[in-house]
Structures are given as structure tokens and as C-alpha cells.
Protein backbone atom coordinates (compact mmCIF):
# COMPACT_ATOMS: atom_id res chain seq x y z
CA MET A 1 -46.64 12.63 50.14
CA ASP A 2 -49.14 11.69 47.47
CA LYS A 3 -48.49 7.95 47.17
CA GLU A 4 -48.35 4.94 49.43
CA ASN A 5 -44.72 4.12 50.07
CA PRO A 6 -43.34 2.01 52.92
CA GLN A 7 -40.19 4.17 52.98
CA ARG A 8 -42.33 7.12 53.94
CA ALA A 9 -43.89 5.58 57.06
CA PRO A 10 -41.61 7.53 59.46
CA VAL A 11 -42.56 10.90 57.97
CA LEU A 12 -46.27 10.04 58.32
CA GLN A 13 -45.65 9.36 62.01
CA HIS A 14 -43.76 12.64 62.37
CA VAL A 15 -46.57 14.57 60.67
CA SER A 16 -49.14 12.82 62.86
CA GLN A 17 -47.31 13.61 66.11
CA ASN A 18 -46.37 17.16 65.11
CA VAL A 19 -49.82 18.22 63.87
CA ARG A 20 -51.45 16.92 67.05
CA ARG A 21 -48.80 18.51 69.32
CA LEU A 22 -48.86 21.86 67.52
CA ARG A 23 -52.67 21.93 67.37
CA HIS A 24 -52.84 21.35 71.14
CA ALA A 25 -50.14 23.98 71.74
CA ALA A 26 -52.24 26.46 69.73
CA ASP A 27 -55.29 25.44 71.79
CA LEU A 28 -57.23 24.53 68.64
CA SER A 29 -59.83 21.82 68.16
CA GLN A 30 -59.74 19.76 64.99
CA ASN A 31 -62.81 21.70 63.82
CA ALA A 32 -61.08 25.03 64.43
CA LEU A 33 -57.93 23.90 62.59
CA ALA A 34 -60.06 22.60 59.71
CA GLU A 35 -61.81 25.95 59.42
CA ARG A 36 -58.57 27.92 59.68
CA SER A 37 -56.67 25.77 57.16
CA GLY A 38 -59.40 24.90 54.68
CA VAL A 39 -58.55 21.21 55.17
CA SER A 40 -61.49 18.96 56.05
CA ARG A 41 -61.83 17.72 59.63
CA ARG A 42 -61.97 14.18 58.26
CA MET A 43 -58.58 14.68 56.57
CA LEU A 44 -57.12 16.15 59.79
CA VAL A 45 -58.37 13.17 61.82
CA ALA A 46 -56.69 10.80 59.35
CA ILE A 47 -53.46 12.86 59.35
CA GLU A 48 -53.30 12.88 63.15
CA ALA A 49 -53.91 9.12 63.17
CA GLY A 50 -51.00 8.65 60.74
CA GLU A 51 -53.35 6.92 58.32
CA LYS A 52 -53.45 9.39 55.46
CA ASN A 53 -50.91 10.41 52.86
CA VAL A 54 -51.47 14.05 52.12
CA SER A 55 -50.30 16.46 49.42
CA LEU A 56 -47.49 18.88 50.16
CA ALA A 57 -49.91 21.74 49.43
CA THR A 58 -52.30 20.45 52.10
CA LEU A 59 -49.47 20.30 54.63
CA ASP A 60 -48.53 23.86 53.67
CA ARG A 61 -52.10 24.98 54.48
CA VAL A 62 -52.03 23.16 57.84
CA ALA A 63 -48.62 24.67 58.68
CA GLU A 64 -49.85 28.15 57.74
CA ALA A 65 -52.96 27.73 59.92
CA LEU A 66 -50.77 26.62 62.85
CA ASP A 67 -48.35 29.52 62.17
CA VAL A 68 -45.40 27.14 61.81
CA ALA A 69 -43.07 26.19 58.98
CA PHE A 70 -43.76 23.19 56.73
CA SER A 71 -40.58 21.59 58.05
CA ASP A 72 -41.97 21.73 61.61
CA LEU A 73 -44.62 19.24 60.49
CA VAL A 74 -42.37 16.69 58.77
CA GLN A 75 -39.21 16.57 60.89
CA ALA A 76 -38.73 14.03 63.65
CA PRO A 77 -40.06 15.55 66.91
CA GLU A 78 -36.97 14.39 68.81
CA LEU A 79 -34.54 15.91 66.29
CA ARG A 80 -31.89 18.00 68.05
CA ASP A 81 -30.47 19.83 65.02
CA HIS A 82 -33.63 21.45 63.68
CA SER A 83 -31.88 22.72 60.54
CA ARG A 84 -31.29 19.13 59.27
CA ILE A 85 -34.51 17.41 58.22
CA ASN A 86 -33.60 14.69 55.66
CA GLU A 87 -37.16 13.30 55.30
CA LEU A 88 -38.67 11.73 52.18
CA ALA A 89 -41.77 13.85 51.52
CA TRP A 90 -42.90 12.97 47.97
CA THR A 91 -42.68 10.10 45.50
CA GLY A 92 -43.67 10.31 41.86
CA ALA A 93 -45.20 7.92 39.38
CA GLY A 94 -41.84 6.86 37.94
CA GLU A 95 -39.56 4.52 39.85
CA GLY A 96 -36.86 6.57 41.57
CA SER A 97 -38.80 9.87 41.48
CA ARG A 98 -38.72 11.44 44.92
CA ALA A 99 -38.28 14.66 46.89
CA THR A 100 -36.38 14.75 50.17
CA LEU A 101 -36.52 17.82 52.40
CA LEU A 102 -32.86 18.07 53.42
CA ALA A 103 -32.61 21.15 55.60
CA LYS A 104 -33.99 24.55 56.51
CA ALA A 105 -32.50 27.89 57.46
CA ASN A 106 -34.06 31.06 58.74
CA ALA A 107 -35.01 33.77 56.28
CA ARG A 108 -37.92 36.12 56.74
CA ARG A 109 -39.45 32.86 57.87
CA GLU A 110 -37.10 30.09 56.69
CA VAL A 111 -35.40 28.47 53.71
CA GLU A 112 -36.05 24.84 52.74
CA LEU A 113 -33.44 22.78 50.87
CA TRP A 114 -34.77 19.85 48.81
CA GLU A 115 -33.17 17.15 46.68
CA PHE A 116 -35.39 15.98 43.80
CA CYS A 117 -34.97 12.98 41.52
CA LEU A 118 -37.41 12.60 38.61
CA ALA A 119 -37.56 9.54 36.40
CA PRO A 120 -37.92 10.11 32.65
CA GLY A 121 -41.38 11.49 31.90
CA ASP A 122 -42.25 12.26 35.54
CA VAL A 123 -43.63 15.57 36.81
CA TYR A 124 -43.85 17.28 40.20
CA ALA A 125 -46.65 19.87 40.18
CA SER A 126 -46.74 22.65 42.78
CA GLU A 127 -49.56 24.98 43.67
CA ALA A 128 -48.92 28.71 43.96
CA ASP A 129 -47.07 29.75 47.10
CA PRO A 130 -47.94 32.91 49.06
CA ASP A 131 -46.73 36.24 47.68
CA GLY A 132 -43.10 36.95 48.56
CA TRP A 133 -41.94 33.33 48.31
CA SER A 134 -39.39 32.27 45.72
CA GLU A 135 -37.74 29.07 44.54
CA GLN A 136 -34.24 28.38 43.28
CA VAL A 137 -33.28 25.24 41.39
CA TYR A 138 -29.85 23.86 40.56
CA VAL A 139 -29.62 20.89 38.19
CA VAL A 140 -27.07 18.27 39.20
CA GLU A 141 -27.79 15.75 36.44
CA GLY A 142 -30.14 15.75 33.45
CA ARG A 143 -32.32 18.53 32.03
CA LEU A 144 -35.17 20.19 33.96
CA THR A 145 -38.19 21.95 32.50
CA VAL A 146 -39.83 24.46 34.84
CA ALA A 147 -43.34 25.09 33.52
CA PHE A 148 -45.79 27.75 34.66
CA ALA A 149 -49.58 27.73 34.47
CA GLN A 150 -50.25 31.42 33.85
CA GLY A 151 -48.94 31.91 30.32
CA VAL A 152 -45.30 32.33 31.35
CA ASP A 153 -42.86 30.55 29.04
CA ALA A 154 -41.36 27.34 30.39
CA ARG A 155 -37.69 27.47 31.34
CA GLU A 156 -35.16 24.76 30.44
CA VAL A 157 -32.36 24.28 32.99
CA GLY A 158 -29.44 22.00 32.12
CA SER A 159 -26.88 20.22 34.25
CA GLY A 160 -24.74 22.76 36.13
CA GLU A 161 -27.27 25.56 35.56
CA PHE A 162 -29.67 27.28 37.96
CA PHE A 163 -32.89 29.26 37.81
CA MET A 164 -34.70 31.41 40.39
CA PHE A 165 -38.32 32.60 40.17
CA PRO A 166 -41.18 33.96 42.29
CA SER A 167 -43.30 30.94 43.20
CA ASN A 168 -46.62 32.71 43.77
CA GLN A 169 -48.04 30.99 40.68
CA PRO A 170 -48.74 27.34 39.88
CA HIS A 171 -45.62 25.69 38.47
CA SER A 172 -44.23 22.25 37.79
CA TYR A 173 -40.92 20.47 37.43
CA ARG A 174 -40.73 18.06 34.48
CA ASN A 175 -38.24 15.54 33.14
CA HIS A 176 -38.87 15.33 29.39
CA GLY A 177 -35.58 13.49 28.89
CA THR A 178 -34.73 9.81 28.64
CA ALA A 179 -32.38 9.74 31.64
CA PRO A 180 -33.02 10.38 35.35
CA LEU A 181 -32.99 14.02 36.49
CA ARG A 182 -31.47 15.20 39.79
CA PHE A 183 -31.79 18.75 41.04
CA VAL A 184 -31.68 20.77 44.22
CA ARG A 185 -34.65 23.02 45.01
CA THR A 186 -34.48 25.82 47.55
CA VAL A 187 -37.74 27.37 48.76
CA VAL A 188 -37.35 30.82 50.34
CA LEU A 189 -40.29 31.63 52.61
């Protein structure tokens, strides 16, 4: 959710409504949620007003502080089938680069299913997740480089291949190729 994008307006409204509703349900003030999440009160005010694009990592911190899943923040409040999300949550620098949260399923906490498209040369960087989380990627089209920040060798994943790894370390998804890259990412919480 890092960039301005008119396609993303509905998800900003969902986040706004859900954060406010869940904060009230938890009987938290904006100050208390800011302290609990490590997100500034000013940022929370803007999020609740639907005025601020926010990083996925920031939303993860807000969700954790509210003791809810990330998907509870981005899905339409009126959604009846809570396993199907289908919300655009990130756009990259390259035209056509995007991440759509497709669905979730229960695990210890839940499983998130994402579809990613990265234009040539684009990167999606992810902060470290909490211990015990893992990610699985399956490349539909193109060649994916999964890079890690802590001295772990990068992993190349080609079309029709998959890779699973503990995600409690900073990592990124990169398209070093000359053609668009499409892959499915599953986050196990």
C-alpha cells in the first residue's frame, strides 16, 4: 500500500473502517493503539480517516496490536465469505507490479494467499515476520529471485517451481528478468 493508486481506494476505505471498528471493540484510544503498535498517533489518525497509504509492515504492526489478522484490516467489512479477500494491497514502481491478497485460511493463526506480479526490474521488500511464520512461493510465469538480508544466499525460483522458507528475517522478491513475473505467495502465520 506504498503508492497512490486510484484502484486501491476501496482497500483504504476498508482499512479505515476496520481499524476504527476494531480499535473501538478493543476499547483502545488512538494513543493506546499507537503505543501498543509502535505506529505514530498521527499515522493512525490518517489511516482511520482513509487519507494515508501505509506500508504492509505498518498494517502488520497495527493488526498485531489489535490481536487480529492482517486480512481483518484489508477485507471489506460487509464480506460474507471471510476466507475470500481479493483486495489489491501493494503496487510497485514498475507498471503492472502489484500484490493482491486473494484469500486466507486458518492455521495456528491463519494462512494468507497472495498473487504477485512484478514488472522487469521491480522489487517487493518485506520486513522480518515474527518467529514461527513461513512463506511459500510458486512461480507461475518468469523467474523469481528471493533475496535475504542476513547473509543467506539468494534463491532463484523458475516457472513451475516453488520455494518455502522461514520469514523471520528481512527478505525481498525481485524480478531481474526482462519479462513480467507472476507468482503466488502463501504466508503461514
